[in-house]
Amino acid sequence: MPSRLDAWKLLCEFTESESLRKHMLAVEACVRAYARKQGADEQTWSLAALLHDFDYERWPNNEHAADAGHPAEGAKILRERGYSEEIVRAILSHADYSGVARQSPLEHTLFACDELAGFLTACSYVRPSKSILDLEVDSVKRRLKDKAFAKGVSREDVRKGAEELGIPLEEHIGFCISAMREEAEALGLQGNIGAQAAQSGS
């Protein structure tokens, strides 16, 4: 099985966008935290999350073709590079149009964390602090109701994701905020809170 470093190099080979790279890191943080909570294989879950959109920049697939574009093109590359079928299947299943139905806990978790991680990033950026460190669940829920905010994020997928995990949406949001806070620096989401904390500690 390729290592996380191998996966990161593959991601960077195909993805130049800093924001898309950080999105994949954010989803990885959330999915890895769920793996830890459920006693699942952290390495497998992390790699699936880290690579779920690695082919998106090159093959965006706006037509939602099942067998071409993202994530089908990425799946071919992952198989060639020796990634497990468990990882490939999870990545295929996060796109409803792929024709691969979500079945395993990993598949449901990746889908549930994908849109939400993007939304939490957007919510953090518009805070005065520009940080996830002071982002609260109630604020996120209010933003979800505001259809003009982060219009690219499917509210339906966010809600469906929590349903597939079998947990209340509030709990899912809170869990993912906590997971992303642990990686705030890598995700570029410390904002000025991180800077203030560093100054006061120096």
N, C-alpha and C. Protein backbone atom coordinates (compact mmCIF):
# COMPACT_ATOMS: atom_id res chain seq x y z
N MET A 1 0.85 -1.19 0.00
CA MET A 1 0.00 0.00 0.00
C MET A 1 0.89 1.25 0.00
N PRO A 2 0.62 2.20 -0.88
CA PRO A 2 1.40 3.44 -0.86
C PRO A 2 1.26 4.16 0.49
N SER A 3 2.27 4.94 0.83
CA SER A 3 2.27 5.69 2.10
C SER A 3 1.50 7.00 1.95
N ARG A 4 1.32 7.69 3.06
CA ARG A 4 0.66 9.00 2.99
C ARG A 4 1.51 9.98 2.19
N LEU A 5 2.84 9.87 2.34
CA LEU A 5 3.72 10.76 1.56
C LEU A 5 3.55 10.50 0.06
N ASP A 6 3.44 9.23 -0.31
CA ASP A 6 3.18 8.88 -1.71
C ASP A 6 1.88 9.53 -2.18
N ALA A 7 0.86 9.45 -1.32
CA ALA A 7 -0.45 10.00 -1.67
C ALA A 7 -0.37 11.52 -1.82
N TRP A 8 0.36 12.16 -0.93
CA TRP A 8 0.49 13.62 -1.00
C TRP A 8 1.22 14.04 -2.28
N LYS A 9 2.26 13.29 -2.64
CA LYS A 9 2.99 13.59 -3.88
C LYS A 9 2.08 13.42 -5.10
N LEU A 10 1.26 12.39 -5.09
CA LEU A 10 0.31 12.16 -6.18
C LEU A 10 -0.69 13.30 -6.27
N LEU A 11 -1.21 13.70 -5.12
CA LEU A 11 -2.16 14.82 -5.05
C LEU A 11 -1.53 16.08 -5.65
N CYS A 12 -0.30 16.38 -5.23
CA CYS A 12 0.36 17.60 -5.70
C CYS A 12 0.72 17.53 -7.19
N GLU A 13 0.96 16.32 -7.67
CA GLU A 13 1.28 16.13 -9.08
C GLU A 13 0.08 16.53 -9.96
N PHE A 14 -1.12 16.26 -9.49
CA PHE A 14 -2.31 16.51 -10.30
C PHE A 14 -3.08 17.77 -9.89
N THR A 15 -2.78 18.32 -8.73
CA THR A 15 -3.55 19.47 -8.22
C THR A 15 -2.63 20.63 -7.88
N GLU A 16 -2.76 21.73 -8.62
CA GLU A 16 -1.96 22.92 -8.35
C GLU A 16 -2.68 23.90 -7.44
N SER A 17 -4.00 23.87 -7.43
CA SER A 17 -4.79 24.81 -6.64
C SER A 17 -4.56 24.61 -5.14
N GLU A 18 -4.10 25.68 -4.49
CA GLU A 18 -3.86 25.62 -3.05
C GLU A 18 -5.16 25.37 -2.28
N SER A 19 -6.24 25.99 -2.72
CA SER A 19 -7.51 25.83 -2.00
C SER A 19 -8.04 24.40 -2.15
N LEU A 20 -7.85 23.78 -3.31
CA LEU A 20 -8.31 22.41 -3.49
C LEU A 20 -7.44 21.45 -2.69
N ARG A 21 -6.14 21.71 -2.63
CA ARG A 21 -5.26 20.89 -1.79
C ARG A 21 -5.72 20.97 -0.32
N LYS A 22 -6.03 22.18 0.12
CA LYS A 22 -6.44 22.35 1.52
C LYS A 22 -7.80 21.72 1.78
N HIS A 23 -8.65 21.72 0.76
CA HIS A 23 -9.95 21.04 0.90
C HIS A 23 -9.73 19.55 1.17
N MET A 24 -8.83 18.94 0.41
CA MET A 24 -8.58 17.51 0.61
C MET A 24 -7.96 17.24 1.97
N LEU A 25 -7.11 18.14 2.44
CA LEU A 25 -6.55 18.01 3.79
C LEU A 25 -7.64 18.14 4.86
N ALA A 26 -8.59 19.04 4.63
CA ALA A 26 -9.68 19.24 5.58
C ALA A 26 -10.56 18.00 5.67
N VAL A 27 -10.89 17.45 4.51
CA VAL A 27 -11.71 16.22 4.50
C VAL A 27 -10.94 15.08 5.16
N GLU A 28 -9.64 15.01 4.90
CA GLU A 28 -8.82 13.98 5.55
C GLU A 28 -8.87 14.12 7.07
N ALA A 29 -8.77 15.35 7.56
CA ALA A 29 -8.80 15.56 9.02
C ALA A 29 -10.10 15.03 9.63
N CYS A 30 -11.22 15.32 8.96
CA CYS A 30 -12.53 14.89 9.47
C CYS A 30 -12.68 13.37 9.40
N VAL A 31 -12.32 12.80 8.26
CA VAL A 31 -12.49 11.35 8.06
C VAL A 31 -11.55 10.57 8.99
N ARG A 32 -10.33 11.06 9.15
CA ARG A 32 -9.38 10.38 10.05
C ARG A 32 -9.89 10.40 11.48
N ALA A 33 -10.49 11.51 11.89
CA ALA A 33 -11.04 11.60 13.25
C ALA A 33 -12.17 10.60 13.44
N TYR A 34 -13.00 10.43 12.42
CA TYR A 34 -14.07 9.42 12.50
C TYR A 34 -13.48 8.01 12.54
N ALA A 35 -12.41 7.77 11.80
CA ALA A 35 -11.76 6.45 11.83
C ALA A 35 -11.29 6.13 13.24
N ARG A 36 -10.68 7.14 13.87
CA ARG A 36 -10.18 6.98 15.24
C ARG A 36 -11.34 6.68 16.19
N LYS A 37 -12.42 7.42 16.02
CA LYS A 37 -13.60 7.26 16.89
C LYS A 37 -14.20 5.87 16.75
N GLN A 38 -14.19 5.36 15.51
CA GLN A 38 -14.84 4.07 15.25
C GLN A 38 -13.89 2.88 15.33
N GLY A 39 -12.62 3.15 15.61
CA GLY A 39 -11.64 2.07 15.68
C GLY A 39 -11.36 1.45 14.32
N ALA A 40 -11.50 2.26 13.26
CA ALA A 40 -11.26 1.77 11.89
C ALA A 40 -9.79 1.99 11.51
N ASP A 41 -9.43 1.56 10.33
CA ASP A 41 -8.05 1.68 9.85
C ASP A 41 -7.78 3.13 9.43
N GLU A 42 -7.05 3.85 10.28
CA GLU A 42 -6.80 5.29 10.01
C GLU A 42 -6.06 5.52 8.70
N GLN A 43 -5.11 4.64 8.41
CA GLN A 43 -4.31 4.82 7.19
C GLN A 43 -5.21 4.73 5.94
N THR A 44 -6.04 3.71 5.89
CA THR A 44 -6.92 3.52 4.73
C THR A 44 -7.90 4.68 4.60
N TRP A 45 -8.52 5.05 5.70
CA TRP A 45 -9.52 6.13 5.68
C TRP A 45 -8.86 7.46 5.31
N SER A 46 -7.66 7.71 5.84
CA SER A 46 -6.95 8.96 5.55
C SER A 46 -6.61 9.07 4.06
N LEU A 47 -6.11 7.97 3.49
CA LEU A 47 -5.71 8.01 2.08
C LEU A 47 -6.92 8.22 1.17
N ALA A 48 -8.03 7.57 1.50
CA ALA A 48 -9.24 7.75 0.69
C ALA A 48 -9.68 9.21 0.71
N ALA A 49 -9.65 9.82 1.89
CA ALA A 49 -10.08 11.21 2.02
C ALA A 49 -9.10 12.17 1.35
N LEU A 50 -7.81 11.92 1.56
CA LEU A 50 -6.78 12.81 1.01
C LEU A 50 -6.82 12.83 -0.52
N LEU A 51 -7.18 11.70 -1.11
CA LEU A 51 -7.12 11.58 -2.57
C LEU A 51 -8.50 11.69 -3.26
N HIS A 52 -9.54 12.00 -2.52
CA HIS A 52 -10.88 11.89 -3.11
C HIS A 52 -11.11 12.85 -4.28
N ASP A 53 -10.40 13.98 -4.30
CA ASP A 53 -10.57 14.96 -5.39
C ASP A 53 -9.27 15.21 -6.15
N PHE A 54 -8.29 14.31 -6.04
CA PHE A 54 -6.97 14.63 -6.61
C PHE A 54 -7.03 14.80 -8.13
N ASP A 55 -8.01 14.19 -8.79
CA ASP A 55 -8.13 14.27 -10.25
C ASP A 55 -9.11 15.36 -10.70
N TYR A 56 -9.68 16.08 -9.75
CA TYR A 56 -10.77 17.02 -10.08
C TYR A 56 -10.30 18.18 -10.95
N GLU A 57 -9.14 18.71 -10.64
CA GLU A 57 -8.63 19.86 -11.38
C GLU A 57 -8.40 19.52 -12.86
N ARG A 58 -7.90 18.32 -13.10
CA ARG A 58 -7.59 17.92 -14.47
C ARG A 58 -8.83 17.43 -15.24
N TRP A 59 -9.72 16.76 -14.53
CA TRP A 59 -10.94 16.21 -15.17
C TRP A 59 -12.17 16.60 -14.36
N PRO A 60 -12.60 17.86 -14.41
CA PRO A 60 -13.67 18.33 -13.52
C PRO A 60 -15.02 17.62 -13.69
N ASN A 61 -15.32 17.15 -14.90
CA ASN A 61 -16.54 16.35 -15.14
C ASN A 61 -17.82 17.10 -14.79
N ASN A 62 -18.00 18.26 -15.39
CA ASN A 62 -19.24 19.02 -15.15
C ASN A 62 -20.46 18.32 -15.73
N GLU A 63 -20.22 17.40 -16.65
CA GLU A 63 -21.35 16.66 -17.25
C GLU A 63 -21.81 15.50 -16.36
N HIS A 64 -21.04 15.20 -15.31
CA HIS A 64 -21.35 14.10 -14.40
C HIS A 64 -21.44 12.76 -15.12
N ALA A 65 -20.49 12.52 -16.01
CA ALA A 65 -20.41 11.22 -16.68
C ALA A 65 -19.93 10.18 -15.67
N ALA A 66 -20.56 9.01 -15.71
CA ALA A 66 -20.22 7.97 -14.72
C ALA A 66 -18.87 7.34 -15.00
N ASP A 67 -18.49 7.21 -16.27
CA ASP A 67 -17.30 6.44 -16.60
C ASP A 67 -16.17 7.28 -17.21
N ALA A 68 -16.28 8.60 -17.12
CA ALA A 68 -15.21 9.49 -17.61
C ALA A 68 -15.11 10.68 -16.67
N GLY A 69 -13.94 11.36 -16.68
CA GLY A 69 -13.78 12.51 -15.80
C GLY A 69 -13.64 12.09 -14.35
N HIS A 70 -13.71 13.09 -13.45
CA HIS A 70 -13.63 12.85 -12.00
C HIS A 70 -14.89 12.15 -11.51
N PRO A 71 -14.81 11.11 -10.67
CA PRO A 71 -13.60 10.47 -10.12
C PRO A 71 -13.15 9.23 -10.89
N ALA A 72 -13.79 8.94 -12.04
CA ALA A 72 -13.44 7.71 -12.79
C ALA A 72 -11.99 7.71 -13.26
N GLU A 73 -11.51 8.88 -13.74
CA GLU A 73 -10.11 8.95 -14.20
C GLU A 73 -9.15 8.71 -13.04
N GLY A 74 -9.47 9.31 -11.92
CA GLY A 74 -8.63 9.13 -10.74
C GLY A 74 -8.59 7.67 -10.29
N ALA A 75 -9.74 7.01 -10.37
CA ALA A 75 -9.81 5.60 -9.95
C ALA A 75 -8.84 4.74 -10.77
N LYS A 76 -8.76 5.01 -12.07
CA LYS A 76 -7.84 4.24 -12.94
C LYS A 76 -6.39 4.43 -12.47
N ILE A 77 -6.05 5.71 -12.18
CA ILE A 77 -4.67 6.02 -11.75
C ILE A 77 -4.36 5.35 -10.41
N LEU A 78 -5.32 5.40 -9.49
CA LEU A 78 -5.10 4.81 -8.17
C LEU A 78 -4.89 3.30 -8.26
N ARG A 79 -5.65 2.65 -9.13
CA ARG A 79 -5.47 1.20 -9.30
C ARG A 79 -4.07 0.91 -9.87
N GLU A 80 -3.66 1.73 -10.83
CA GLU A 80 -2.33 1.55 -11.43
C GLU A 80 -1.22 1.74 -10.39
N ARG A 81 -1.47 2.63 -9.42
CA ARG A 81 -0.43 2.96 -8.43
C ARG A 81 -0.50 2.06 -7.19
N GLY A 82 -1.39 1.09 -7.21
CA GLY A 82 -1.40 0.10 -6.12
C GLY A 82 -2.27 0.41 -4.92
N TYR A 83 -3.22 1.33 -5.07
CA TYR A 83 -4.14 1.61 -3.96
C TYR A 83 -5.21 0.52 -3.89
N SER A 84 -5.68 0.26 -2.68
CA SER A 84 -6.63 -0.84 -2.47
C SER A 84 -7.99 -0.53 -3.10
N GLU A 85 -8.72 -1.58 -3.40
CA GLU A 85 -10.04 -1.42 -3.98
C GLU A 85 -10.99 -0.74 -2.97
N GLU A 86 -10.73 -0.93 -1.70
CA GLU A 86 -11.53 -0.27 -0.66
C GLU A 86 -11.43 1.26 -0.80
N ILE A 87 -10.23 1.74 -1.04
CA ILE A 87 -10.01 3.19 -1.21
C ILE A 87 -10.63 3.66 -2.52
N VAL A 88 -10.38 2.93 -3.60
CA VAL A 88 -10.91 3.31 -4.91
C VAL A 88 -12.43 3.37 -4.88
N ARG A 89 -13.05 2.36 -4.27
CA ARG A 89 -14.51 2.31 -4.21
C ARG A 89 -15.07 3.47 -3.40
N ALA A 90 -14.41 3.79 -2.29
CA ALA A 90 -14.88 4.91 -1.46
C ALA A 90 -14.85 6.21 -2.26
N ILE A 91 -13.77 6.40 -3.01
CA ILE A 91 -13.64 7.63 -3.80
C ILE A 91 -14.68 7.69 -4.91
N LEU A 92 -14.90 6.58 -5.58
CA LEU A 92 -15.95 6.54 -6.61
C LEU A 92 -17.32 6.84 -6.01
N SER A 93 -17.59 6.27 -4.83
CA SER A 93 -18.94 6.37 -4.25
C SER A 93 -19.26 7.76 -3.71
N HIS A 94 -18.23 8.62 -3.52
CA HIS A 94 -18.56 9.95 -2.98
C HIS A 94 -19.25 10.82 -4.02
N ALA A 95 -19.18 10.39 -5.30
CA ALA A 95 -19.92 11.09 -6.37
C ALA A 95 -21.18 10.28 -6.69
N ASP A 96 -22.33 10.85 -6.41
CA ASP A 96 -23.58 10.12 -6.61
C ASP A 96 -23.73 9.62 -8.05
N TYR A 97 -23.18 10.36 -9.00
CA TYR A 97 -23.36 10.02 -10.41
C TYR A 97 -22.44 8.89 -10.89
N SER A 98 -21.55 8.41 -10.02
CA SER A 98 -20.58 7.39 -10.45
C SER A 98 -21.22 6.02 -10.65
N GLY A 99 -22.39 5.83 -10.07
CA GLY A 99 -23.05 4.53 -10.17
C GLY A 99 -22.58 3.55 -9.11
N VAL A 100 -21.64 3.97 -8.24
CA VAL A 100 -21.16 3.12 -7.16
C VAL A 100 -21.89 3.52 -5.88
N ALA A 101 -22.74 2.63 -5.41
CA ALA A 101 -23.55 2.94 -4.22
C ALA A 101 -22.70 2.87 -2.96
N ARG A 102 -22.95 3.81 -2.05
CA ARG A 102 -22.21 3.80 -0.78
C ARG A 102 -22.72 2.69 0.13
N GLN A 103 -21.80 1.88 0.65
CA GLN A 103 -22.17 0.75 1.50
C GLN A 103 -21.38 0.71 2.81
N SER A 104 -20.07 0.87 2.73
CA SER A 104 -19.23 0.71 3.92
C SER A 104 -19.22 1.97 4.79
N PRO A 105 -18.83 1.82 6.05
CA PRO A 105 -18.70 3.01 6.91
C PRO A 105 -17.76 4.07 6.31
N LEU A 106 -16.66 3.64 5.72
CA LEU A 106 -15.74 4.59 5.09
C LEU A 106 -16.45 5.37 3.98
N GLU A 107 -17.20 4.68 3.15
CA GLU A 107 -17.89 5.34 2.03
C GLU A 107 -18.88 6.38 2.53
N HIS A 108 -19.65 6.03 3.54
CA HIS A 108 -20.62 6.98 4.10
C HIS A 108 -19.90 8.16 4.75
N THR A 109 -18.79 7.89 5.42
CA THR A 109 -18.07 8.95 6.14
C THR A 109 -17.42 9.93 5.17
N LEU A 110 -16.81 9.43 4.12
CA LEU A 110 -16.18 10.31 3.13
C LEU A 110 -17.22 11.24 2.51
N PHE A 111 -18.35 10.68 2.14
CA PHE A 111 -19.42 11.51 1.56
C PHE A 111 -19.89 12.56 2.56
N ALA A 112 -20.06 12.15 3.81
CA ALA A 112 -20.59 13.05 4.84
C ALA A 112 -19.64 14.20 5.15
N CYS A 113 -18.34 13.96 5.03
CA CYS A 113 -17.36 14.98 5.40
C CYS A 113 -16.98 15.90 4.25
N ASP A 114 -17.22 15.47 3.03
CA ASP A 114 -16.75 16.21 1.85
C ASP A 114 -17.34 17.61 1.77
N GLU A 115 -18.65 17.70 1.58
CA GLU A 115 -19.29 19.02 1.44
C GLU A 115 -19.19 19.83 2.73
N LEU A 116 -19.32 19.15 3.87
CA LEU A 116 -19.30 19.88 5.14
C LEU A 116 -17.94 20.52 5.39
N ALA A 117 -16.86 19.82 5.09
CA ALA A 117 -15.52 20.40 5.29
C ALA A 117 -15.36 21.67 4.46
N GLY A 118 -15.86 21.64 3.23
CA GLY A 118 -15.80 22.83 2.40
C GLY A 118 -16.62 23.97 2.97
N PHE A 119 -17.78 23.63 3.52
CA PHE A 119 -18.65 24.65 4.10
C PHE A 119 -18.03 25.26 5.36
N LEU A 120 -17.42 24.42 6.19
CA LEU A 120 -16.79 24.92 7.42
C LEU A 120 -15.62 25.85 7.09
N THR A 121 -14.90 25.54 6.02
CA THR A 121 -13.82 26.42 5.58
C THR A 121 -14.39 27.78 5.18
N ALA A 122 -15.47 27.77 4.40
CA ALA A 122 -16.10 29.02 3.96
C ALA A 122 -16.61 29.82 5.17
N CYS A 123 -17.19 29.14 6.13
CA CYS A 123 -17.69 29.81 7.34
C CYS A 123 -16.55 30.45 8.13
N SER A 124 -15.41 29.78 8.16
CA SER A 124 -14.25 30.30 8.89
C SER A 124 -13.71 31.56 8.23
N TYR A 125 -13.65 31.55 6.90
CA TYR A 125 -13.08 32.69 6.17
C TYR A 125 -13.85 33.98 6.36
N VAL A 126 -15.16 33.89 6.60
CA VAL A 126 -15.94 35.13 6.73
C VAL A 126 -16.05 35.62 8.17
N ARG A 127 -15.45 34.90 9.10
CA ARG A 127 -15.44 35.36 10.49
C ARG A 127 -14.45 36.52 10.65
N PRO A 128 -14.67 37.42 11.60
CA PRO A 128 -13.69 38.49 11.83
C PRO A 128 -12.29 37.93 12.09
N SER A 129 -12.24 36.77 12.75
CA SER A 129 -10.96 36.14 13.09
C SER A 129 -10.35 35.39 11.91
N LYS A 130 -11.18 35.12 10.85
CA LYS A 130 -10.75 34.26 9.72
C LYS A 130 -10.25 32.90 10.21
N SER A 131 -10.86 32.40 11.27
CA SER A 131 -10.35 31.20 11.94
C SER A 131 -11.45 30.19 12.22
N ILE A 132 -11.07 28.92 12.22
CA ILE A 132 -12.01 27.87 12.65
C ILE A 132 -11.95 27.68 14.16
N LEU A 133 -10.96 28.31 14.79
CA LEU A 133 -10.76 28.09 16.23
C LEU A 133 -11.88 28.68 17.08
N ASP A 134 -12.62 29.67 16.53
CA ASP A 134 -13.75 30.21 17.30
C ASP A 134 -15.08 30.01 16.55
N LEU A 135 -15.08 29.11 15.57
CA LEU A 135 -16.31 28.81 14.83
C LEU A 135 -17.21 27.91 15.68
N GLU A 136 -18.48 28.27 15.79
CA GLU A 136 -19.42 27.50 16.61
C GLU A 136 -20.50 26.88 15.74
N VAL A 137 -21.09 25.79 16.26
CA VAL A 137 -22.11 25.03 15.52
C VAL A 137 -23.30 25.91 15.14
N ASP A 138 -23.76 26.74 16.06
CA ASP A 138 -24.94 27.58 15.78
C ASP A 138 -24.70 28.52 14.60
N SER A 139 -23.50 29.05 14.53
CA SER A 139 -23.14 29.94 13.42
C SER A 139 -23.19 29.19 12.09
N VAL A 140 -22.69 27.97 12.09
CA VAL A 140 -22.70 27.14 10.88
C VAL A 140 -24.13 26.84 10.46
N LYS A 141 -24.97 26.51 11.43
CA LYS A 141 -26.38 26.19 11.11
C LYS A 141 -27.10 27.40 10.52
N ARG A 142 -26.78 28.58 11.03
CA ARG A 142 -27.39 29.79 10.46
C ARG A 142 -26.93 30.00 9.01
N ARG A 143 -25.66 29.78 8.77
CA ARG A 143 -25.13 29.94 7.42
C ARG A 143 -25.74 28.92 6.45
N LEU A 144 -26.01 27.73 6.95
CA LEU A 144 -26.62 26.70 6.09
C LEU A 144 -27.99 27.16 5.58
N LYS A 145 -28.70 27.93 6.39
CA LYS A 145 -30.03 28.41 5.99
C LYS A 145 -29.96 29.57 5.00
N ASP A 146 -28.79 30.21 4.93
CA ASP A 146 -28.59 31.35 4.04
C ASP A 146 -28.18 30.84 2.65
N LYS A 147 -29.16 30.77 1.76
CA LYS A 147 -28.90 30.14 0.44
C LYS A 147 -27.91 30.93 -0.41
N ALA A 148 -27.72 32.20 -0.10
CA ALA A 148 -26.79 33.02 -0.88
C ALA A 148 -25.33 32.78 -0.46
N PHE A 149 -25.12 32.17 0.71
CA PHE A 149 -23.77 31.96 1.23
C PHE A 149 -23.22 30.63 0.72
N ALA A 150 -21.98 30.65 0.20
CA ALA A 150 -21.30 29.43 -0.28
C ALA A 150 -22.25 28.59 -1.12
N LYS A 151 -22.74 29.22 -2.18
CA LYS A 151 -23.79 28.60 -3.01
C LYS A 151 -23.35 27.28 -3.64
N GLY A 152 -22.04 27.09 -3.79
CA GLY A 152 -21.55 25.86 -4.40
C GLY A 152 -21.68 24.63 -3.53
N VAL A 153 -21.97 24.84 -2.25
CA VAL A 153 -22.09 23.71 -1.32
C VAL A 153 -23.54 23.21 -1.30
N SER A 154 -23.70 21.93 -1.56
CA SER A 154 -25.04 21.34 -1.57
C SER A 154 -25.53 21.13 -0.13
N ARG A 155 -26.55 21.89 0.25
CA ARG A 155 -27.14 21.71 1.59
C ARG A 155 -27.74 20.31 1.73
N GLU A 156 -28.29 19.83 0.63
CA GLU A 156 -28.90 18.50 0.63
C GLU A 156 -27.85 17.43 0.94
N ASP A 157 -26.67 17.57 0.34
CA ASP A 157 -25.60 16.59 0.60
C ASP A 157 -25.10 16.68 2.04
N VAL A 158 -25.05 17.89 2.59
CA VAL A 158 -24.63 18.05 4.00
C VAL A 158 -25.61 17.32 4.91
N ARG A 159 -26.90 17.53 4.66
CA ARG A 159 -27.92 16.87 5.51
C ARG A 159 -27.94 15.36 5.30
N LYS A 160 -27.84 14.96 4.03
CA LYS A 160 -27.86 13.54 3.70
C LYS A 160 -26.66 12.83 4.32
N GLY A 161 -25.51 13.52 4.33
CA GLY A 161 -24.31 12.93 4.91
C GLY A 161 -24.50 12.56 6.38
N ALA A 162 -25.05 13.49 7.15
CA ALA A 162 -25.30 13.20 8.57
C ALA A 162 -26.30 12.06 8.72
N GLU A 163 -27.30 12.05 7.85
CA GLU A 163 -28.29 10.96 7.90
C GLU A 163 -27.63 9.61 7.63
N GLU A 164 -26.74 9.58 6.65
CA GLU A 164 -26.07 8.32 6.32
C GLU A 164 -25.19 7.83 7.47
N LEU A 165 -24.66 8.77 8.26
CA LEU A 165 -23.86 8.39 9.43
C LEU A 165 -24.75 8.01 10.61
N GLY A 166 -26.03 8.38 10.51
CA GLY A 166 -26.97 8.07 11.58
C GLY A 166 -26.79 8.92 12.82
N ILE A 167 -26.30 10.16 12.62
CA ILE A 167 -26.12 11.07 13.76
C ILE A 167 -26.79 12.41 13.45
N PRO A 168 -27.16 13.16 14.50
CA PRO A 168 -27.76 14.47 14.27
C PRO A 168 -26.78 15.40 13.55
N LEU A 169 -27.31 16.27 12.72
CA LEU A 169 -26.46 17.19 11.95
C LEU A 169 -25.59 18.04 12.88
N GLU A 170 -26.16 18.51 13.99
CA GLU A 170 -25.40 19.35 14.93
C GLU A 170 -24.16 18.62 15.44
N GLU A 171 -24.35 17.34 15.74
CA GLU A 171 -23.23 16.54 16.26
C GLU A 171 -22.15 16.36 15.19
N HIS A 172 -22.58 16.12 13.97
CA HIS A 172 -21.65 15.95 12.85
C HIS A 172 -20.85 17.24 12.61
N ILE A 173 -21.54 18.38 12.63
CA ILE A 173 -20.87 19.67 12.45
C ILE A 173 -19.84 19.89 13.55
N GLY A 174 -20.25 19.67 14.79
CA GLY A 174 -19.34 19.87 15.93
C GLY A 174 -18.12 18.97 15.87
N PHE A 175 -18.34 17.72 15.46
CA PHE A 175 -17.24 16.76 15.37
C PHE A 175 -16.23 17.20 14.31
N CYS A 176 -16.73 17.64 13.16
CA CYS A 176 -15.84 18.05 12.07
C CYS A 176 -15.12 19.36 12.40
N ILE A 177 -15.79 20.28 13.09
CA ILE A 177 -15.10 21.50 13.53
C ILE A 177 -13.92 21.12 14.43
N SER A 178 -14.14 20.23 15.38
CA SER A 178 -13.07 19.81 16.30
C SER A 178 -11.92 19.18 15.54
N ALA A 179 -12.25 18.32 14.57
CA ALA A 179 -11.21 17.65 13.79
C ALA A 179 -10.38 18.65 12.99
N MET A 180 -11.06 19.63 12.40
CA MET A 180 -10.35 20.63 11.60
C MET A 180 -9.57 21.60 12.47
N ARG A 181 -10.03 21.85 13.68
CA ARG A 181 -9.27 22.72 14.60
C ARG A 181 -7.90 22.13 14.89
N GLU A 182 -7.85 20.79 15.00
CA GLU A 182 -6.57 20.13 15.29
C GLU A 182 -5.56 20.35 14.17
N GLU A 183 -6.06 20.59 12.97
CA GLU A 183 -5.19 20.79 11.80
C GLU A 183 -5.27 22.23 11.29
N ALA A 184 -5.68 23.15 12.14
CA ALA A 184 -5.95 24.54 11.71
C ALA A 184 -4.77 25.17 10.98
N GLU A 185 -3.58 24.94 11.47
CA GLU A 185 -2.40 25.56 10.85
C GLU A 185 -2.19 25.04 9.43
N ALA A 186 -2.23 23.72 9.25
CA ALA A 186 -2.04 23.12 7.92
C ALA A 186 -3.15 23.53 6.96
N LEU A 187 -4.34 23.78 7.49
CA LEU A 187 -5.49 24.14 6.65
C LEU A 187 -5.56 25.64 6.37
N GLY A 188 -4.65 26.40 6.99
CA GLY A 188 -4.68 27.85 6.81
C GLY A 188 -5.88 28.49 7.50
N LEU A 189 -6.35 27.86 8.58
CA LEU A 189 -7.57 28.34 9.25
C LEU A 189 -7.33 28.79 10.69
N GLN A 190 -6.08 29.11 11.02
CA GLN A 190 -5.82 29.68 12.35
C GLN A 190 -6.29 31.13 12.40
N GLY A 191 -6.23 31.79 11.25
CA GLY A 191 -6.63 33.19 11.20
C GLY A 191 -5.77 34.03 12.12
N ASN A 192 -6.35 35.14 12.60
CA ASN A 192 -5.55 35.99 13.49
C ASN A 192 -5.56 35.50 14.93
N ILE A 193 -6.38 34.47 15.21
CA ILE A 193 -6.36 33.86 16.56
C ILE A 193 -5.03 33.12 16.74
N GLY A 194 -4.63 32.39 15.70
CA GLY A 194 -3.35 31.69 15.76
C GLY A 194 -2.19 32.64 15.96
N ALA A 195 -2.24 33.79 15.28
CA ALA A 195 -1.17 34.78 15.39
C ALA A 195 -1.14 35.39 16.80
N GLN A 196 -2.34 35.67 17.32
CA GLN A 196 -2.42 36.24 18.68
C GLN A 196 -1.88 35.25 19.71
N ALA A 197 -2.25 33.98 19.52
CA ALA A 197 -1.78 32.95 20.46
C ALA A 197 -0.27 32.82 20.41
N ALA A 198 0.29 32.91 19.21
CA ALA A 198 1.75 32.78 19.07
C ALA A 198 2.45 33.96 19.73
N GLN A 199 1.88 35.18 19.58
CA GLN A 199 2.49 36.36 20.17
C GLN A 199 2.44 36.32 21.69
N SER A 200 1.29 35.88 22.22
CA SER A 200 1.16 35.87 23.67
C SER A 200 2.04 34.79 24.29
N GLY A 201 2.34 33.74 23.48
CA GLY A 201 3.18 32.67 24.01
C GLY A 201 4.66 32.93 23.84
N SER A 202 5.02 33.98 23.09
CA SER A 202 6.44 34.20 22.82
C SER A 202 7.08 35.09 23.87
